[in-house]
C-alpha atoms as a PDB file:
ATOM      1  CA  MET A   1      89.119 130.780 153.999  1.00  0.00           C
ATOM      2  CA  LEU A   2      92.423 131.273 155.775  1.00  0.00           C
ATOM      3  CA  ASN A   3      92.408 131.987 159.477  1.00  0.00           C
ATOM      4  CA  PRO A   4      94.965 134.235 161.157  1.00  0.00           C
ATOM      5  CA  PRO A   5      97.706 132.617 163.250  1.00  0.00           C
ATOM      6  CA  LEU A   6      96.927 131.794 166.861  1.00  0.00           C
ATOM      7  CA  PRO A   7      98.035 134.630 169.172  1.00  0.00           C
ATOM      8  CA  SER A   8     100.318 133.535 171.952  1.00  0.00           C
ATOM      9  CA  GLN A   9     100.359 135.745 175.065  1.00  0.00           C
ATOM     10  CA  LEU A  10      96.934 137.036 176.155  1.00  0.00           C
ATOM     11  CA  ASP A  11      95.138 137.979 179.352  1.00  0.00           C
ATOM     12  CA  ILE A  12      92.395 135.363 179.227  1.00  0.00           C
ATOM     13  CA  ARG A  13      90.554 136.896 182.190  1.00  0.00           C
ATOM     14  CA  LYS A  14      89.851 140.010 180.116  1.00  0.00           C
ATOM     15  CA  LEU A  15      88.827 137.886 177.138  1.00  0.00           C
ATOM     16  CA  THR A  16      86.208 136.077 179.234  1.00  0.00           C
ATOM     17  CA  VAL A  17      84.708 139.327 180.524  1.00  0.00           C
ATOM     18  CA  LYS A  18      84.399 140.630 176.950  1.00  0.00           C
ATOM     19  CA  GLY A  19      83.056 137.311 175.593  1.00  0.00           C
ATOM     20  CA  ILE A  20      85.636 137.025 172.823  1.00  0.00           C
ATOM     21  CA  GLU A  21      85.812 134.165 170.326  1.00  0.00           C
ATOM     22  CA  ILE A  22      89.092 133.377 168.590  1.00  0.00           C
ATOM     23  CA  VAL A  23      89.160 131.392 165.359  1.00  0.00           C
ATOM     24  CA  ALA A  24      92.740 130.824 164.214  1.00  0.00           C
ATOM     25  CA  ASP A  25      95.254 128.357 162.860  1.00  0.00           C
ATOM     26  CA  ALA A  26      98.188 127.075 164.881  1.00  0.00           C
ATOM     27  CA  ALA A  27     101.094 125.699 162.870  1.00  0.00           C
ATOM     28  CA  VAL A  28     102.101 122.247 164.077  1.00  0.00           C
ATOM     29  CA  SER A  29     105.722 123.431 164.048  1.00  0.00           C
ATOM     30  CA  SER A  30     104.826 126.102 166.661  1.00  0.00           C
ATOM     31  CA  LEU A  31     103.833 123.399 169.178  1.00  0.00           C
ATOM     32  CA  PRO A  32     107.160 121.769 170.168  1.00  0.00           C
ATOM     33  CA  ARG A  33     105.679 119.329 172.697  1.00  0.00           C
ATOM     34  CA  VAL A  34     103.279 118.035 170.046  1.00  0.00           C
ATOM     35  CA  VAL A  35     105.933 117.817 167.308  1.00  0.00           C
ATOM     36  CA  ASP A  36     107.837 115.259 169.404  1.00  0.00           C
ATOM     37  CA  LEU A  37     104.847 112.887 169.133  1.00  0.00           C
ATOM     38  CA  LEU A  38     104.330 113.248 165.372  1.00  0.00           C
ATOM     39  CA  ALA A  39     106.050 111.906 162.263  1.00  0.00           C
ATOM     40  CA  ASP A  40     106.534 115.401 160.817  1.00  0.00           C
ATOM     41  CA  GLN A  41     105.874 119.087 161.444  1.00  0.00           C
ATOM     42  CA  GLU A  42     103.598 119.593 158.451  1.00  0.00           C
ATOM     43  CA  GLY A  43     100.146 121.124 158.616  1.00  0.00           C
ATOM     44  CA  SER A  44      98.204 123.271 160.984  1.00  0.00           C
ATOM     45  CA  ILE A  45      95.543 122.920 163.651  1.00  0.00           C
ATOM     46  CA  ALA A  46      92.234 124.736 163.211  1.00  0.00           C
ATOM     47  CA  VAL A  47      91.518 126.287 166.606  1.00  0.00           C
ATOM     48  CA  LYS A  48      88.268 127.775 167.856  1.00  0.00           C
ATOM     49  CA  LEU A  49      88.274 129.196 171.392  1.00  0.00           C
ATOM     50  CA  ARG A  50      85.259 130.818 173.024  1.00  0.00           C
ATOM     51  CA  PHE A  51      85.897 132.839 176.197  1.00  0.00           C
ATOM     52  CA  TYR A  52      82.840 133.632 178.322  1.00  0.00           C
ATOM     53  CA  ILE A  53      81.212 133.719 181.749  1.00  0.00           C
ATOM     54  CA  ASP A  54      78.595 130.985 182.155  1.00  0.00           C
ATOM     55  CA  GLU A  55      75.243 131.076 184.004  1.00  0.00           C
ATOM     56  CA  GLN A  56      76.896 130.024 187.272  1.00  0.00           C
ATOM     57  CA  ARG A  57      79.368 132.939 186.944  1.00  0.00           C
ATOM     58  CA  PHE A  58      82.365 130.707 186.177  1.00  0.00           C
ATOM     59  CA  LYS A  59      84.889 132.024 183.674  1.00  0.00           C
ATOM     60  CA  ARG A  60      85.165 129.462 180.898  1.00  0.00           C
ATOM     61  CA  ILE A  61      86.944 128.523 177.699  1.00  0.00           C
ATOM     62  CA  ASP A  62      85.213 126.175 175.291  1.00  0.00           C
ATOM     63  CA  GLY A  63      87.445 125.020 172.478  1.00  0.00           C
ATOM     64  CA  GLU A  64      87.571 122.916 169.351  1.00  0.00           C
ATOM     65  CA  LEU A  65      90.633 121.532 167.585  1.00  0.00           C
ATOM     66  CA  LYS A  66      90.487 120.036 164.090  1.00  0.00           C
ATOM     67  CA  SER A  67      93.307 118.758 161.930  1.00  0.00           C
ATOM     68  CA  THR A  68      94.939 115.801 160.267  1.00  0.00           C
ATOM     69  CA  VAL A  69      98.439 115.022 161.516  1.00  0.00           C
ATOM     70  CA  ASN A  70     100.942 112.316 160.625  1.00  0.00           C
ATOM     71  CA  MET A  71     101.898 109.850 163.336  1.00  0.00           C
ATOM     72  CA  PHE A  72     103.947 106.662 163.162  1.00  0.00           C
ATOM     73  CA  CYS A  73     102.244 103.306 162.680  1.00  0.00           C
ATOM     74  CA  GLN A  74     103.350 101.087 165.564  1.00  0.00           C
ATOM     75  CA  ARG A  75     103.625  98.026 163.283  1.00  0.00           C
ATOM     76  CA  CYS A  76     105.600  99.286 160.287  1.00  0.00           C
ATOM     77  CA  LEU A  77     106.898 102.612 161.710  1.00  0.00           C
ATOM     78  CA  GLU A  78     105.768 104.462 158.579  1.00  0.00           C
ATOM     79  CA  PRO A  79     103.835 107.762 158.774  1.00  0.00           C
ATOM     80  CA  MET A  80     100.070 107.526 158.749  1.00  0.00           C
ATOM     81  CA  PRO A  81      97.397 110.248 158.841  1.00  0.00           C
ATOM     82  CA  VAL A  82      95.383 110.641 162.054  1.00  0.00           C
ATOM     83  CA  ASN A  83      92.296 112.841 162.155  1.00  0.00           C
ATOM     84  CA  ILE A  84      91.894 115.098 165.179  1.00  0.00           C
ATOM     85  CA  ASP A  85      88.473 116.485 166.050  1.00  0.00           C
ATOM     86  CA  THR A  86      88.177 117.303 169.723  1.00  0.00           C
ATOM     87  CA  HIS A  87      86.126 119.541 171.965  1.00  0.00           C
ATOM     88  CA  PHE A  88      87.138 120.695 175.436  1.00  0.00           C
ATOM     89  CA  GLU A  89      85.733 122.803 178.268  1.00  0.00           C
ATOM     90  CA  LEU A  90      88.009 124.601 180.707  1.00  0.00           C
ATOM     91  CA  GLY A  91      87.118 126.601 183.807  1.00  0.00           C
ATOM     92  CA  ILE A  92      89.482 129.472 184.595  1.00  0.00           C
ATOM     93  CA  VAL A  93      90.456 129.551 188.269  1.00  0.00           C
ATOM     94  CA  TRP A  94      93.206 131.136 190.347  1.00  0.00           C
ATOM     95  CA  SER A  95      93.832 128.353 192.871  1.00  0.00           C
ATOM     96  CA  GLU A  96      93.216 124.708 193.735  1.00  0.00           C
ATOM     97  CA  ASP A  97      90.279 125.795 195.910  1.00  0.00           C
ATOM     98  CA  GLY A  98      88.628 127.388 192.894  1.00  0.00           C
ATOM     99  CA  ALA A  99      89.191 124.207 190.905  1.00  0.00           C
ATOM    100  CA  GLU A 100      87.240 122.195 193.487  1.00  0.00           C
ATOM    101  CA  ARG A 101      84.198 124.453 193.061  1.00  0.00           C
ATOM    102  CA  LEU A 102      83.984 123.871 189.297  1.00  0.00           C
ATOM    103  CA  PRO A 103      81.360 121.494 187.893  1.00  0.00           C
ATOM    104  CA  LYS A 104      82.721 117.979 187.291  1.00  0.00           C
ATOM    105  CA  SER A 105      82.236 118.311 183.520  1.00  0.00           C
ATOM    106  CA  VAL A 106      84.740 121.194 183.347  1.00  0.00           C
ATOM    107  CA  GLU A 107      88.510 120.803 183.604  1.00  0.00           C
ATOM    108  CA  PRO A 108      90.283 123.487 185.652  1.00  0.00           C
ATOM    109  CA  LEU A 109      92.822 125.858 184.124  1.00  0.00           C
ATOM    110  CA  ILE A 110      94.740 127.515 186.931  1.00  0.00           C
ATOM    111  CA  VAL A 111      96.060 130.929 185.862  1.00  0.00           C
ATOM    112  CA  GLY A 112      98.070 133.549 187.669  1.00  0.00           C
ATOM    113  CA  GLU A 113      98.458 137.274 187.203  1.00  0.00           C
ATOM    114  CA  GLU A 114     100.694 136.864 184.151  1.00  0.00           C
ATOM    115  CA  LEU A 115      99.592 136.467 180.543  1.00  0.00           C
ATOM    116  CA  THR A 116      98.594 132.994 179.345  1.00  0.00           C
ATOM    117  CA  ASP A 117     100.113 131.341 176.288  1.00  0.00           C
ATOM    118  CA  LEU A 118      97.330 129.940 174.110  1.00  0.00           C
ATOM    119  CA  HIS A 119      99.836 127.632 172.404  1.00  0.00           C
ATOM    120  CA  ASP A 120     100.287 125.834 175.736  1.00  0.00           C
ATOM    121  CA  ILE A 121      96.528 125.304 176.066  1.00  0.00           C
ATOM    122  CA  VAL A 122      96.266 124.008 172.494  1.00  0.00           C
ATOM    123  CA  SER A 123      99.303 121.737 172.996  1.00  0.00           C
ATOM    124  CA  GLU A 124      97.863 120.203 176.181  1.00  0.00           C
ATOM    125  CA  GLU A 125      94.474 119.503 174.635  1.00  0.00           C
ATOM    126  CA  LEU A 126      95.999 118.158 171.435  1.00  0.00           C
ATOM    127  CA  ILE A 127      98.263 115.769 173.351  1.00  0.00           C
ATOM    128  CA  LEU A 128      95.257 114.507 175.309  1.00  0.00           C
ATOM    129  CA  SER A 129      93.297 113.890 172.105  1.00  0.00           C
ATOM    130  CA  LEU A 130      96.024 112.016 170.205  1.00  0.00           C
ATOM    131  CA  PRO A 131      95.596 108.241 170.160  1.00  0.00           C
ATOM    132  CA  TYR A 132      98.005 106.343 172.368  1.00  0.00           C
ATOM    133  CA  VAL A 133      98.729 103.645 169.761  1.00  0.00           C
ATOM    134  CA  ASN A 134      98.282 103.919 165.981  1.00  0.00           C
ATOM    135  CA  TYR A 135      98.047 101.186 163.377  1.00  0.00           C
ATOM    136  CA  HIS A 136      97.440 101.180 159.651  1.00  0.00           C
ATOM    137  CA  SER A 137      94.673  98.859 158.561  1.00  0.00           C
ATOM    138  CA  ALA A 138      96.013  95.343 157.804  1.00  0.00           C
ATOM    139  CA  GLU A 139      95.787  95.978 154.033  1.00  0.00           C
ATOM    140  CA  ASP A 140      97.669  99.310 154.164  1.00  0.00           C
ATOM    141  CA  CYS A 141     100.391  98.341 156.624  1.00  0.00           C
ATOM    142  CA  GLY A 142     103.872  97.559 155.317  1.00  0.00           C
ATOM    143  CA  GLN A 143     104.389  95.029 158.115  1.00  0.00           C
ATOM    144  CA  GLU A 144     102.974  91.547 157.564  1.00  0.00           C
ATOM    145  CA  VAL A 145     100.169  90.879 159.996  1.00  0.00           C
ATOM    146  CA  GLY A 146      99.397  87.271 160.852  1.00  0.00           C
ATOM    147  CA  TYR A 147      98.802  84.769 163.582  1.00  0.00           C
ATOM    148  CA  SER A 148     100.250  81.346 164.305  1.00  0.00           C
ATOM    149  CA  VAL A 149      98.510  78.216 165.479  1.00  0.00           C
ATOM    150  CA  GLY A 150      99.944  77.384 168.870  1.00  0.00           C
ATOM    151  CA  GLU A 151     102.485  78.899 171.163  1.00  0.00           C
ATOM    152  CA  PRO A 152     105.524  80.372 169.395  1.00  0.00           C
ATOM    153  CA  ASP A 153     107.859  78.545 171.806  1.00  0.00           C
ATOM    154  CA  GLU A 154     106.432  75.174 170.877  1.00  0.00           C
ATOM    155  CA  LEU A 155     106.305  75.384 167.072  1.00  0.00           C
ATOM    156  CA  THR A 156     109.084  75.957 164.561  1.00  0.00           C
ATOM    157  CA  ASP A 157     109.091  76.243 160.750  1.00  0.00           C
ATOM    158  CA  THR A 158     110.763  73.519 158.730  1.00  0.00           C
ATOM    159  CA  SER A 159     112.322  74.131 155.327  1.00  0.00           C
ATOM    160  CA  ASP A 160     109.169  72.955 153.483  1.00  0.00           C
ATOM    161  CA  GLY A 161     106.869  75.349 155.381  1.00  0.00           C
ATOM    162  CA  GLU A 162     105.460  72.734 157.771  1.00  0.00           C
ATOM    163  CA  LEU A 163     105.310  73.399 161.483  1.00  0.00           C
ATOM    164  CA  GLU A 164     106.914  70.838 163.783  1.00  0.00           C
ATOM    165  CA  GLN A 165     106.977  70.470 167.544  1.00  0.00           C
ATOM    166  CA  ARG A 166     110.220  71.621 169.145  1.00  0.00           C
ATOM    167  CA  GLU A 167     111.582  70.227 172.388  1.00  0.00           C
ATOM    168  CA  ASN A 168     111.272  72.467 175.417  1.00  0.00           C
ATOM    169  CA  PRO A 169     114.796  73.577 176.489  1.00  0.00           C
ATOM    170  CA  PHE A 170     113.772  73.549 180.160  1.00  0.00           C
ATOM    171  CA  LYS A 171     112.661  69.925 180.127  1.00  0.00           C
ATOM    172  CA  ALA A 172     116.049  68.890 181.540  1.00  0.00           C
ATOM    173  CA  LEU A 173     115.367  70.990 184.627  1.00  0.00           C
ATOM    174  CA  GLU A 174     112.288  68.892 185.331  1.00  0.00           C
ATOM    175  CA  LYS A 175     114.514  65.891 186.051  1.00  0.00           C
ATOM    176  CA  LEU A 176     116.541  67.897 188.584  1.00  0.00           C
ATOM    177  CA  LYS A 177     113.393  69.004 190.361  1.00  0.00           C
ATOM    178  CA  PHE A 178     112.204  65.459 190.967  1.00  0.00           C
ATOM    179  CA  GLU A 179     115.647  64.066 191.912  1.00  0.00           C
ATOM    180  CA  LYS A 180     115.782  66.214 195.060  1.00  0.00           C
END
Protein backbone atom coordinates (compact mmCIF):
# COMPACT_ATOMS: atom_id res chain seq x y z
CA MET A 1 0.00 0.00 0.00
CA LEU A 2 1.39 3.37 -1.00
CA ASN A 3 1.21 6.22 1.47
CA PRO A 4 0.71 9.83 0.42
CA PRO A 5 3.70 12.19 0.57
CA LEU A 6 4.47 13.87 3.88
CA PRO A 7 2.83 17.32 4.07
CA SER A 8 5.22 20.11 4.86
CA GLN A 9 3.71 23.22 6.48
CA LEU A 10 1.06 22.50 9.14
CA ASP A 11 -0.24 24.05 12.34
CA ILE A 12 0.68 21.24 14.72
CA ARG A 13 -1.18 22.85 17.63
CA LYS A 14 -4.47 22.33 15.78
CA LEU A 15 -3.49 18.78 14.87
CA THR A 16 -2.94 17.91 18.54
CA VAL A 17 -6.33 19.30 19.58
CA LYS A 18 -8.04 17.22 16.88
CA GLY A 19 -5.98 14.08 17.65
CA ILE A 20 -4.82 13.57 14.08
CA GLU A 21 -2.56 10.74 12.93
CA ILE A 22 -0.49 11.13 9.77
CA VAL A 23 0.87 8.10 7.94
CA ALA A 24 2.96 9.18 4.95
CA ASP A 25 6.15 8.67 3.00
CA ALA A 26 8.93 11.24 2.88
CA ALA A 27 11.28 10.98 -0.08
CA VAL A 28 14.91 10.93 1.04
CA SER A 29 15.64 13.54 -1.64
CA SER A 30 13.21 15.95 0.11
CA LEU A 31 15.37 15.95 3.27
CA PRO A 32 18.52 17.90 2.25
CA ARG A 33 20.22 17.73 5.66
CA VAL A 34 19.85 13.94 5.65
CA VAL A 35 21.00 13.52 2.03
CA ASP A 36 24.39 15.00 2.97
CA LEU A 37 24.96 12.05 5.34
CA LEU A 38 23.94 9.31 2.89
CA ALA A 39 25.56 7.61 -0.10
CA ASP A 40 22.59 8.38 -2.36
CA GLN A 41 19.16 9.99 -2.45
CA GLU A 42 17.25 6.81 -3.26
CA GLY A 43 14.27 5.55 -1.30
CA SER A 44 11.76 6.95 1.08
CA ILE A 45 11.09 7.07 4.81
CA ALA A 46 7.86 5.60 6.16
CA VAL A 47 6.58 8.18 8.64
CA LYS A 48 3.87 7.76 11.25
CA LEU A 49 3.07 10.80 13.40
CA ARG A 50 0.40 10.84 16.10
CA PHE A 51 -0.66 14.26 17.42
CA TYR A 52 -2.57 14.27 20.71
CA ILE A 53 -3.02 15.71 24.20
CA ASP A 54 -1.87 13.28 26.90
CA GLU A 55 -3.35 12.63 30.37
CA GLN A 56 -1.24 15.40 31.91
CA ARG A 57 -2.61 17.87 29.31
CA PHE A 58 0.69 18.15 27.41
CA LYS A 59 0.47 18.47 23.64
CA ARG A 60 2.48 15.63 22.15
CA ILE A 61 3.77 14.08 18.95
CA ASP A 62 4.67 10.40 18.97
CA GLY A 63 6.42 9.29 15.81
CA GLU A 64 7.92 6.31 14.05
CA LEU A 65 10.39 6.31 11.17
CA LYS A 66 11.19 3.18 9.15
CA SER A 67 13.40 2.80 6.12
CA THR A 68 16.55 1.36 4.65
CA VAL A 69 19.08 3.95 3.48
CA ASN A 70 22.53 3.65 1.93
CA MET A 71 25.46 5.03 3.90
CA PHE A 72 29.19 4.76 3.29
CA CYS A 73 31.21 2.00 4.93
CA GLN A 74 34.02 3.69 6.86
CA ARG A 75 36.53 0.98 5.85
CA CYS A 76 36.03 0.61 2.10
CA LEU A 77 33.95 3.77 1.40
CA GLU A 78 31.42 1.74 -0.59
CA PRO A 79 27.65 2.14 -0.07
CA MET A 80 26.03 -0.19 2.41
CA PRO A 81 22.38 -0.54 3.50
CA VAL A 82 21.46 0.66 7.00
CA ASN A 83 18.06 -0.15 8.49
CA ILE A 84 16.28 2.65 10.32
CA ASP A 85 13.53 1.83 12.79
CA THR A 86 13.12 4.54 15.40
CA HIS A 87 10.46 5.83 17.74
CA PHE A 88 10.37 9.30 19.26
CA GLU A 89 8.21 11.32 21.65
CA LEU A 90 8.05 15.10 21.44
CA GLY A 91 6.26 17.56 23.71
CA ILE A 92 5.02 20.72 21.99
CA VAL A 93 5.87 23.85 23.97
CA TRP A 94 6.08 27.57 23.26
CA SER A 95 9.10 28.49 25.39
CA GLU A 96 12.06 27.18 27.36
CA ASP A 97 9.96 27.41 30.53
CA GLY A 98 7.41 25.04 29.03
CA ALA A 99 10.20 22.65 28.08
CA GLU A 100 11.31 22.42 31.71
CA ARG A 101 7.83 21.30 32.79
CA LEU A 102 7.77 18.34 30.39
CA PRO A 103 8.38 14.82 31.71
CA LYS A 104 12.02 13.71 31.32
CA SER A 105 11.04 10.97 28.85
CA VAL A 106 9.73 13.55 26.34
CA GLU A 107 11.93 15.78 24.19
CA PRO A 108 10.72 19.37 23.80
CA LEU A 109 9.71 20.82 20.44
CA ILE A 110 9.55 24.58 20.77
CA VAL A 111 7.10 26.07 18.25
CA GLY A 112 6.02 29.61 17.56
CA GLU A 113 2.93 31.11 15.99
CA GLU A 114 4.00 30.14 12.47
CA LEU A 115 3.37 26.84 10.71
CA THR A 116 5.75 23.96 11.41
CA ASP A 117 7.55 22.04 8.67
CA LEU A 118 7.15 18.31 9.29
CA HIS A 119 10.16 17.63 7.05
CA ASP A 120 12.34 19.42 9.61
CA ILE A 121 11.01 17.21 12.42
CA VAL A 122 11.57 14.05 10.38
CA SER A 123 15.07 15.21 9.37
CA GLU A 124 16.09 15.91 12.98
CA GLU A 125 14.86 12.55 14.25
CA LEU A 126 16.38 10.67 11.33
CA ILE A 127 19.78 12.31 11.86
CA LEU A 128 19.65 11.35 15.54
CA SER A 129 18.85 7.73 14.68
CA LEU A 130 21.56 7.23 12.05
CA PRO A 131 24.62 5.34 13.28
CA TYR A 132 27.70 7.47 13.80
CA VAL A 133 30.07 4.95 12.18
CA ASN A 134 29.16 2.20 9.69
CA TYR A 135 31.10 -0.89 8.70
CA HIS A 136 30.35 -3.81 6.43
CA SER A 137 30.89 -7.18 8.05
CA ALA A 138 34.49 -8.41 7.57
CA GLU A 139 33.38 -10.87 4.85
CA ASP A 140 31.42 -8.25 2.85
CA CYS A 141 33.88 -5.37 3.10
CA GLY A 142 36.09 -4.56 0.12
CA GLN A 143 38.87 -3.41 2.45
CA GLU A 144 41.13 -6.10 3.88
CA VAL A 145 40.64 -6.36 7.62
CA GLY A 146 43.50 -7.76 9.68
CA TYR A 147 45.70 -7.29 12.67
CA SER A 148 49.46 -7.40 13.15
CA VAL A 149 51.47 -8.94 15.94
CA GLY A 150 53.29 -6.12 17.65
CA GLU A 151 53.49 -2.41 17.25
CA PRO A 152 53.48 -1.21 13.63
CA ASP A 153 56.49 1.04 14.32
CA GLU A 154 58.60 -1.87 15.47
CA LEU A 155 57.89 -4.47 12.77
CA THR A 156 58.44 -4.32 9.03
CA ASP A 157 57.74 -6.82 6.22
CA THR A 158 60.66 -8.39 4.41
CA SER A 159 60.47 -9.56 0.81
CA ASP A 160 59.74 -13.18 1.84
CA GLY A 161 56.78 -12.20 4.06
CA GLU A 162 58.65 -12.50 7.36
CA LEU A 163 58.45 -9.75 9.94
CA GLU A 164 61.73 -8.31 11.22
CA GLN A 165 62.53 -5.84 13.97
CA ARG A 166 63.30 -2.35 12.71
CA GLU A 167 65.56 0.09 14.51
CA ASN A 168 63.84 2.95 16.29
CA PRO A 169 64.72 6.23 14.48
CA PHE A 170 64.69 8.14 17.78
CA LYS A 171 67.29 5.92 19.43
CA ALA A 172 70.00 8.45 18.52
CA LEU A 173 68.22 11.07 20.61
CA GLU A 174 68.63 8.85 23.66
CA LYS A 175 72.40 9.37 23.52
CA LEU A 176 71.95 13.16 23.50
CA LYS A 177 69.68 13.01 26.52
CA PHE A 178 72.25 11.22 28.65
CA GLU A 179 75.24 13.30 27.46
CA LYS A 180 73.82 16.46 29.06
